[in-house]
Amino acid sequence: MAEPSESTEPTGLTDLVADVLQVAAAEVTDDTGPATSAAWTSLRHVQIVARVEKTYGIRLTAREVRGCRSVGALRGVLAEKRETP
């Protein structure tokens, strides 16, 4: 699976989250998470994690999954995973 380029990743992640949450991409910001969006339920959280893992070809630890409570946090974990060989 080809890894998305860094220049398209933010839009890709935003679109991915918007798709799972079934909201417009314009509504998704780095602050979007369960505390700011009624659409981000525990089930949707699992769906977002599963889609991110499949799309980006990575595996998140249980700690990382629990820590990804916003798009910004998820973006940070993705950046760390890319830096790790």
PDB file of N, CA and C in Angstrom:
ATOM      1  N   MET A   1       0.846  -1.179   0.000  1.00  0.00           N
ATOM      2  CA  MET A   1       0.000   0.000   0.000  1.00  0.00           C
ATOM      3  C   MET A   1       0.888   1.238   0.000  1.00  0.00           C
ATOM      4  N   ALA A   2       0.619   2.137  -0.911  1.00  0.00           N
ATOM      5  CA  ALA A   2       1.416   3.355  -1.006  1.00  0.00           C
ATOM      6  C   ALA A   2       1.068   4.291   0.135  1.00  0.00           C
ATOM      7  N   GLU A   3       2.099   4.879   0.705  1.00  0.00           N
ATOM      8  CA  GLU A   3       1.883   5.829   1.795  1.00  0.00           C
ATOM      9  C   GLU A   3       1.568   7.198   1.206  1.00  0.00           C
ATOM     10  N   PRO A   4       0.493   7.864   1.704  1.00  0.00           N
ATOM     11  CA  PRO A   4       0.180   9.203   1.199  1.00  0.00           C
ATOM     12  C   PRO A   4       1.319  10.160   1.482  1.00  0.00           C
ATOM     13  N   SER A   5       1.507  11.131   0.604  1.00  0.00           N
ATOM     14  CA  SER A   5       2.564  12.112   0.820  1.00  0.00           C
ATOM     15  C   SER A   5       2.163  13.062   1.937  1.00  0.00           C
ATOM     16  N   GLU A   6       3.164  13.658   2.561  1.00  0.00           N
ATOM     17  CA  GLU A   6       2.880  14.565   3.669  1.00  0.00           C
ATOM     18  C   GLU A   6       2.057  15.764   3.221  1.00  0.00           C
ATOM     19  N   SER A   7       2.210  16.191   1.984  1.00  0.00           N
ATOM     20  CA  SER A   7       1.465  17.362   1.534  1.00  0.00           C
ATOM     21  C   SER A   7      -0.022  17.086   1.408  1.00  0.00           C
ATOM     22  N   THR A   8      -0.420  15.811   1.215  1.00  0.00           N
ATOM     23  CA  THR A   8      -1.839  15.499   1.105  1.00  0.00           C
ATOM     24  C   THR A   8      -2.410  14.898   2.383  1.00  0.00           C
ATOM     25  N   GLU A   9      -1.586  14.559   3.336  1.00  0.00           N
ATOM     26  CA  GLU A   9      -2.038  13.901   4.553  1.00  0.00           C
ATOM     27  C   GLU A   9      -3.065  14.693   5.342  1.00  0.00           C
ATOM     28  N   PRO A  10      -2.869  15.979   5.593  1.00  0.00           N
ATOM     29  CA  PRO A  10      -3.871  16.674   6.397  1.00  0.00           C
ATOM     30  C   PRO A  10      -5.263  16.624   5.777  1.00  0.00           C
ATOM     31  N   THR A  11      -5.348  16.867   4.474  1.00  0.00           N
ATOM     32  CA  THR A  11      -6.644  16.799   3.816  1.00  0.00           C
ATOM     33  C   THR A  11      -7.166  15.377   3.860  1.00  0.00           C
ATOM     34  N   GLY A  12      -6.296  14.398   3.633  1.00  0.00           N
ATOM     35  CA  GLY A  12      -6.702  13.005   3.681  1.00  0.00           C
ATOM     36  C   GLY A  12      -7.231  12.609   5.043  1.00  0.00           C
ATOM     37  N   LEU A  13      -6.553  12.996   6.100  1.00  0.00           N
ATOM     38  CA  LEU A  13      -7.011  12.668   7.446  1.00  0.00           C
ATOM     39  C   LEU A  13      -8.320  13.381   7.751  1.00  0.00           C
ATOM     40  N   THR A  14      -8.418  14.628   7.380  1.00  0.00           N
ATOM     41  CA  THR A  14      -9.651  15.383   7.594  1.00  0.00           C
ATOM     42  C   THR A  14     -10.810  14.723   6.870  1.00  0.00           C
ATOM     43  N   ASP A  15     -10.593  14.361   5.613  1.00  0.00           N
ATOM     44  CA  ASP A  15     -11.641  13.709   4.835  1.00  0.00           C
ATOM     45  C   ASP A  15     -12.015  12.356   5.433  1.00  0.00           C
ATOM     46  N   LEU A  16     -11.022  11.607   5.892  1.00  0.00           N
ATOM     47  CA  LEU A  16     -11.269  10.305   6.498  1.00  0.00           C
ATOM     48  C   LEU A  16     -12.159  10.458   7.737  1.00  0.00           C
ATOM     49  N   VAL A  17     -11.790  11.372   8.618  1.00  0.00           N
ATOM     50  CA  VAL A  17     -12.572  11.596   9.841  1.00  0.00           C
ATOM     51  C   VAL A  17     -13.974  12.093   9.496  1.00  0.00           C
ATOM     52  N   ALA A  18     -14.070  13.018   8.560  1.00  0.00           N
ATOM     53  CA  ALA A  18     -15.374  13.533   8.151  1.00  0.00           C
ATOM     54  C   ALA A  18     -16.255  12.415   7.609  1.00  0.00           C
ATOM     55  N   ASP A  19     -15.671  11.528   6.823  1.00  0.00           N
ATOM     56  CA  ASP A  19     -16.416  10.412   6.255  1.00  0.00           C
ATOM     57  C   ASP A  19     -16.944   9.491   7.349  1.00  0.00           C
ATOM     58  N   VAL A  20     -16.103   9.136   8.295  1.00  0.00           N
ATOM     59  CA  VAL A  20     -16.526   8.252   9.378  1.00  0.00           C
ATOM     60  C   VAL A  20     -17.593   8.928  10.246  1.00  0.00           C
ATOM     61  N   LEU A  21     -17.401  10.207  10.535  1.00  0.00           N
ATOM     62  CA  LEU A  21     -18.360  10.930  11.376  1.00  0.00           C
ATOM     63  C   LEU A  21     -19.611  11.340  10.620  1.00  0.00           C
ATOM     64  N   GLN A  22     -19.566  11.224   9.296  1.00  0.00           N
ATOM     65  CA  GLN A  22     -20.671  11.624   8.425  1.00  0.00           C
ATOM     66  C   GLN A  22     -21.014  13.102   8.603  1.00  0.00           C
ATOM     67  N   VAL A  23     -19.950  13.927   8.560  1.00  0.00           N
ATOM     68  CA  VAL A  23     -20.092  15.377   8.608  1.00  0.00           C
ATOM     69  C   VAL A  23     -19.282  15.959   7.459  1.00  0.00           C
ATOM     70  N   ALA A  24     -19.497  17.235   7.178  1.00  0.00           N
ATOM     71  CA  ALA A  24     -18.729  17.900   6.129  1.00  0.00           C
ATOM     72  C   ALA A  24     -17.281  18.066   6.574  1.00  0.00           C
ATOM     73  N   ALA A  25     -16.361  17.923   5.635  1.00  0.00           N
ATOM     74  CA  ALA A  25     -14.940  18.074   5.950  1.00  0.00           C
ATOM     75  C   ALA A  25     -14.652  19.448   6.544  1.00  0.00           C
ATOM     76  N   ALA A  26     -15.405  20.450   6.151  1.00  0.00           N
ATOM     77  CA  ALA A  26     -15.215  21.804   6.671  1.00  0.00           C
ATOM     78  C   ALA A  26     -15.497  21.883   8.178  1.00  0.00           C
ATOM     79  N   GLU A  27     -16.227  20.914   8.708  1.00  0.00           N
ATOM     80  CA  GLU A  27     -16.546  20.899  10.138  1.00  0.00           C
ATOM     81  C   GLU A  27     -15.438  20.244  10.968  1.00  0.00           C
ATOM     82  N   VAL A  28     -14.478  19.604  10.306  1.00  0.00           N
ATOM     83  CA  VAL A  28     -13.432  18.866  11.012  1.00  0.00           C
ATOM     84  C   VAL A  28     -12.186  19.736  11.140  1.00  0.00           C
ATOM     85  N   THR A  29     -11.766  19.961  12.390  1.00  0.00           N
ATOM     86  CA  THR A  29     -10.547  20.716  12.679  1.00  0.00           C
ATOM     87  C   THR A  29      -9.663  19.856  13.587  1.00  0.00           C
ATOM     88  N   ASP A  30      -8.493  20.350  13.926  1.00  0.00           N
ATOM     89  CA  ASP A  30      -7.623  19.619  14.847  1.00  0.00           C
ATOM     90  C   ASP A  30      -8.263  19.458  16.223  1.00  0.00           C
ATOM     91  N   ASP A  31      -9.205  20.314  16.576  1.00  0.00           N
ATOM     92  CA  ASP A  31      -9.874  20.228  17.870  1.00  0.00           C
ATOM     93  C   ASP A  31     -11.050  19.252  17.868  1.00  0.00           C
ATOM     94  N   THR A  32     -11.451  18.776  16.710  1.00  0.00           N
ATOM     95  CA  THR A  32     -12.588  17.861  16.618  1.00  0.00           C
ATOM     96  C   THR A  32     -12.269  16.571  17.363  1.00  0.00           C
ATOM     97  N   GLY A  33     -13.170  16.183  18.234  1.00  0.00           N
ATOM     98  CA  GLY A  33     -13.028  14.975  19.031  1.00  0.00           C
ATOM     99  C   GLY A  33     -14.315  14.729  19.785  1.00  0.00           C
ATOM    100  N   PRO A  34     -14.339  13.750  20.650  1.00  0.00           N
ATOM    101  CA  PRO A  34     -15.571  13.451  21.385  1.00  0.00           C
ATOM    102  C   PRO A  34     -16.045  14.597  22.279  1.00  0.00           C
ATOM    103  N   ALA A  35     -15.134  15.438  22.716  1.00  0.00           N
ATOM    104  CA  ALA A  35     -15.517  16.558  23.580  1.00  0.00           C
ATOM    105  C   ALA A  35     -16.146  17.707  22.795  1.00  0.00           C
ATOM    106  N   THR A  36     -15.913  17.739  21.480  1.00  0.00           N
ATOM    107  CA  THR A  36     -16.398  18.865  20.682  1.00  0.00           C
ATOM    108  C   THR A  36     -17.401  18.465  19.605  1.00  0.00           C
ATOM    109  N   SER A  37     -17.584  17.167  19.378  1.00  0.00           N
ATOM    110  CA  SER A  37     -18.476  16.708  18.320  1.00  0.00           C
ATOM    111  C   SER A  37     -19.355  15.571  18.829  1.00  0.00           C
ATOM    112  N   ALA A  38     -20.661  15.777  18.767  1.00  0.00           N
ATOM    113  CA  ALA A  38     -21.604  14.738  19.184  1.00  0.00           C
ATOM    114  C   ALA A  38     -21.512  13.521  18.262  1.00  0.00           C
ATOM    115  N   ALA A  39     -21.030  13.724  17.052  1.00  0.00           N
ATOM    116  CA  ALA A  39     -20.908  12.626  16.094  1.00  0.00           C
ATOM    117  C   ALA A  39     -19.772  11.666  16.467  1.00  0.00           C
ATOM    118  N   TRP A  40     -18.793  12.130  17.271  1.00  0.00           N
ATOM    119  CA  TRP A  40     -17.634  11.305  17.630  1.00  0.00           C
ATOM    120  C   TRP A  40     -18.001  10.472  18.853  1.00  0.00           C
ATOM    121  N   THR A  41     -18.625   9.328  18.617  1.00  0.00           N
ATOM    122  CA  THR A  41     -19.018   8.407  19.683  1.00  0.00           C
ATOM    123  C   THR A  41     -17.906   7.378  19.885  1.00  0.00           C
ATOM    124  N   SER A  42     -18.070   6.520  20.870  1.00  0.00           N
ATOM    125  CA  SER A  42     -17.053   5.491  21.103  1.00  0.00           C
ATOM    126  C   SER A  42     -16.976   4.535  19.906  1.00  0.00           C
ATOM    127  N   LEU A  43     -18.101   4.213  19.303  1.00  0.00           N
ATOM    128  CA  LEU A  43     -18.080   3.355  18.116  1.00  0.00           C
ATOM    129  C   LEU A  43     -17.366   4.052  16.961  1.00  0.00           C
ATOM    130  N   ARG A  44     -17.657   5.317  16.760  1.00  0.00           N
ATOM    131  CA  ARG A  44     -16.995   6.059  15.684  1.00  0.00           C
ATOM    132  C   ARG A  44     -15.496   6.184  15.947  1.00  0.00           C
ATOM    133  N   HIS A  45     -15.111   6.275  17.205  1.00  0.00           N
ATOM    134  CA  HIS A  45     -13.688   6.342  17.556  1.00  0.00           C
ATOM    135  C   HIS A  45     -12.977   5.081  17.064  1.00  0.00           C
ATOM    136  N   VAL A  46     -13.579   3.931  17.335  1.00  0.00           N
ATOM    137  CA  VAL A  46     -13.016   2.656  16.888  1.00  0.00           C
ATOM    138  C   VAL A  46     -12.969   2.616  15.360  1.00  0.00           C
ATOM    139  N   GLN A  47     -14.018   3.101  14.710  1.00  0.00           N
ATOM    140  CA  GLN A  47     -14.053   3.112  13.246  1.00  0.00           C
ATOM    141  C   GLN A  47     -12.974   4.029  12.675  1.00  0.00           C
ATOM    142  N   ILE A  48     -12.770   5.179  13.295  1.00  0.00           N
ATOM    143  CA  ILE A  48     -11.720   6.103  12.848  1.00  0.00           C
ATOM    144  C   ILE A  48     -10.357   5.433  12.976  1.00  0.00           C
ATOM    145  N   VAL A  49     -10.097   4.815  14.118  1.00  0.00           N
ATOM    146  CA  VAL A  49      -8.814   4.146  14.338  1.00  0.00           C
ATOM    147  C   VAL A  49      -8.606   3.045  13.301  1.00  0.00           C
ATOM    148  N   ALA A  50      -9.615   2.244  13.063  1.00  0.00           N
ATOM    149  CA  ALA A  50      -9.501   1.154  12.089  1.00  0.00           C
ATOM    150  C   ALA A  50      -9.216   1.688  10.687  1.00  0.00           C
ATOM    151  N   ARG A  51      -9.906   2.755  10.300  1.00  0.00           N
ATOM    152  CA  ARG A  51      -9.679   3.343   8.971  1.00  0.00           C
ATOM    153  C   ARG A  51      -8.293   3.960   8.857  1.00  0.00           C
ATOM    154  N   VAL A  52      -7.839   4.611   9.914  1.00  0.00           N
ATOM    155  CA  VAL A  52      -6.493   5.207   9.906  1.00  0.00           C
ATOM    156  C   VAL A  52      -5.444   4.106   9.763  1.00  0.00           C
ATOM    157  N   GLU A  53      -5.596   3.035  10.536  1.00  0.00           N
ATOM    158  CA  GLU A  53      -4.632   1.939  10.453  1.00  0.00           C
ATOM    159  C   GLU A  53      -4.601   1.342   9.048  1.00  0.00           C
ATOM    160  N   LYS A  54      -5.758   1.132   8.467  1.00  0.00           N
ATOM    161  CA  LYS A  54      -5.827   0.546   7.122  1.00  0.00           C
ATOM    162  C   LYS A  54      -5.297   1.518   6.069  1.00  0.00           C
ATOM    163  N   THR A  55      -5.704   2.764   6.131  1.00  0.00           N
ATOM    164  CA  THR A  55      -5.323   3.768   5.138  1.00  0.00           C
ATOM    165  C   THR A  55      -3.830   4.055   5.162  1.00  0.00           C
ATOM    166  N   TYR A  56      -3.261   4.182   6.353  1.00  0.00           N
ATOM    167  CA  TYR A  56      -1.862   4.569   6.484  1.00  0.00           C
ATOM    168  C   TYR A  56      -0.918   3.382   6.708  1.00  0.00           C
ATOM    169  N   GLY A  57      -1.471   2.172   6.767  1.00  0.00           N
ATOM    170  CA  GLY A  57      -0.643   0.989   6.911  1.00  0.00           C
ATOM    171  C   GLY A  57       0.144   0.949   8.210  1.00  0.00           C
ATOM    172  N   ILE A  58      -0.497   1.377   9.292  1.00  0.00           N
ATOM    173  CA  ILE A  58       0.161   1.401  10.604  1.00  0.00           C
ATOM    174  C   ILE A  58      -0.663   0.622  11.613  1.00  0.00           C
ATOM    175  N   ARG A  59      -0.082   0.385  12.776  1.00  0.00           N
ATOM    176  CA  ARG A  59      -0.790  -0.199  13.911  1.00  0.00           C
ATOM    177  C   ARG A  59      -0.637   0.745  15.089  1.00  0.00           C
ATOM    178  N   LEU A  60      -1.753   1.033  15.749  1.00  0.00           N
ATOM    179  CA  LEU A  60      -1.717   1.878  16.936  1.00  0.00           C
ATOM    180  C   LEU A  60      -1.781   0.994  18.172  1.00  0.00           C
ATOM    181  N   THR A  61      -1.014   1.356  19.181  1.00  0.00           N
ATOM    182  CA  THR A  61      -1.071   0.632  20.449  1.00  0.00           C
ATOM    183  C   THR A  61      -2.344   1.035  21.181  1.00  0.00           C
ATOM    184  N   ALA A  62      -2.708   0.264  22.184  1.00  0.00           N
ATOM    185  CA  ALA A  62      -3.895   0.590  22.982  1.00  0.00           C
ATOM    186  C   ALA A  62      -3.745   1.978  23.615  1.00  0.00           C
ATOM    187  N   ARG A  63      -2.547   2.297  24.063  1.00  0.00           N
ATOM    188  CA  ARG A  63      -2.292   3.612  24.666  1.00  0.00           C
ATOM    189  C   ARG A  63      -2.500   4.723  23.632  1.00  0.00           C
ATOM    190  N   GLU A  64      -2.002   4.508  22.419  1.00  0.00           N
ATOM    191  CA  GLU A  64      -2.168   5.510  21.359  1.00  0.00           C
ATOM    192  C   GLU A  64      -3.643   5.685  21.001  1.00  0.00           C
ATOM    193  N   VAL A  65      -4.378   4.584  20.952  1.00  0.00           N
ATOM    194  CA  VAL A  65      -5.810   4.651  20.640  1.00  0.00           C
ATOM    195  C   VAL A  65      -6.534   5.474  21.697  1.00  0.00           C
ATOM    196  N   ARG A  66      -6.226   5.221  22.967  1.00  0.00           N
ATOM    197  CA  ARG A  66      -6.865   5.988  24.048  1.00  0.00           C
ATOM    198  C   ARG A  66      -6.454   7.452  24.011  1.00  0.00           C
ATOM    199  N   GLY A  67      -5.232   7.733  23.586  1.00  0.00           N
ATOM    200  CA  GLY A  67      -4.730   9.101  23.559  1.00  0.00           C
ATOM    201  C   GLY A  67      -5.203   9.928  22.382  1.00  0.00           C
ATOM    202  N   CYS A  68      -5.735   9.284  21.380  1.00  0.00           N
ATOM    203  CA  CYS A  68      -6.202   9.996  20.178  1.00  0.00           C
ATOM    204  C   CYS A  68      -7.615  10.509  20.402  1.00  0.00           C
ATOM    205  N   ARG A  69      -7.716  11.544  21.200  1.00  0.00           N
ATOM    206  CA  ARG A  69      -9.034  12.095  21.536  1.00  0.00           C
ATOM    207  C   ARG A  69      -9.374  13.331  20.721  1.00  0.00           C
ATOM    208  N   SER A  70      -8.612  13.572  19.655  1.00  0.00           N
ATOM    209  CA  SER A  70      -8.914  14.666  18.732  1.00  0.00           C
ATOM    210  C   SER A  70      -8.188  14.394  17.423  1.00  0.00           C
ATOM    211  N   VAL A  71      -8.592  15.102  16.399  1.00  0.00           N
ATOM    212  CA  VAL A  71      -7.919  14.975  15.107  1.00  0.00           C
ATOM    213  C   VAL A  71      -6.460  15.407  15.248  1.00  0.00           C
ATOM    214  N   GLY A  72      -6.210  16.451  16.009  1.00  0.00           N
ATOM    215  CA  GLY A  72      -4.848  16.925  16.209  1.00  0.00           C
ATOM    216  C   GLY A  72      -3.974  15.875  16.875  1.00  0.00           C
ATOM    217  N   ALA A  73      -4.509  15.186  17.889  1.00  0.00           N
ATOM    218  CA  ALA A  73      -3.758  14.128  18.558  1.00  0.00           C
ATOM    219  C   ALA A  73      -3.488  12.975  17.597  1.00  0.00           C
ATOM    220  N   LEU A  74      -4.471  12.665  16.782  1.00  0.00           N
ATOM    221  CA  LEU A  74      -4.306  11.605  15.793  1.00  0.00           C
ATOM    222  C   LEU A  74      -3.250  11.984  14.764  1.00  0.00           C
ATOM    223  N   ARG A  75      -3.264  13.237  14.354  1.00  0.00           N
ATOM    224  CA  ARG A  75      -2.259  13.739  13.406  1.00  0.00           C
ATOM    225  C   ARG A  75      -0.848  13.623  14.017  1.00  0.00           C
ATOM    226  N   GLY A  76      -0.727  13.901  15.314  1.00  0.00           N
ATOM    227  CA  GLY A  76       0.559  13.795  16.000  1.00  0.00           C
ATOM    228  C   GLY A  76       1.065  12.361  16.045  1.00  0.00           C
ATOM    229  N   VAL A  77       0.180  11.420  16.311  1.00  0.00           N
ATOM    230  CA  VAL A  77       0.565  10.011  16.342  1.00  0.00           C
ATOM    231  C   VAL A  77       0.995   9.569  14.947  1.00  0.00           C
ATOM    232  N   LEU A  78       0.274  10.004  13.927  1.00  0.00           N
ATOM    233  CA  LEU A  78       0.666   9.667  12.551  1.00  0.00           C
ATOM    234  C   LEU A  78       2.059  10.195  12.239  1.00  0.00           C
ATOM    235  N   ALA A  79       2.343  11.416  12.661  1.00  0.00           N
ATOM    236  CA  ALA A  79       3.660  12.005  12.411  1.00  0.00           C
ATOM    237  C   ALA A  79       4.751  11.189  13.116  1.00  0.00           C
ATOM    238  N   GLU A  80       4.492  10.776  14.357  1.00  0.00           N
ATOM    239  CA  GLU A  80       5.469   9.949  15.087  1.00  0.00           C
ATOM    240  C   GLU A  80       5.703   8.624  14.402  1.00  0.00           C
ATOM    241  N   LYS A  81       4.629   7.994  13.915  1.00  0.00           N
ATOM    242  CA  LYS A  81       4.740   6.695  13.249  1.00  0.00           C
ATOM    243  C   LYS A  81       5.561   6.816  11.969  1.00  0.00           C
ATOM    244  N   ARG A  82       5.443   7.918  11.293  1.00  0.00           N
ATOM    245  CA  ARG A  82       6.189   8.123  10.052  1.00  0.00           C
ATOM    246  C   ARG A  82       7.670   8.292  10.327  1.00  0.00           C
ATOM    247  N   GLU A  83       8.013   8.858  11.473  1.00  0.00           N
ATOM    248  CA  GLU A  83       9.410   9.076  11.834  1.00  0.00           C
ATOM    249  C   GLU A  83      10.086   7.805  12.311  1.00  0.00           C
ATOM    250  N   THR A  84       9.295   6.849  12.797  1.00  0.00           N
ATOM    251  CA  THR A  84       9.826   5.599  13.321  1.00  0.00           C
ATOM    252  C   THR A  84       9.991   4.601  12.183  1.00  0.00           C
ATOM    253  N   PRO A  85      11.206   4.078  11.998  1.00  0.00           N
ATOM    254  CA  PRO A  85      11.421   3.122  10.906  1.00  0.00           C
ATOM    255  C   PRO A  85      10.686   1.824  11.111  1.00  0.00           C
TER     256      PRO A  85
END
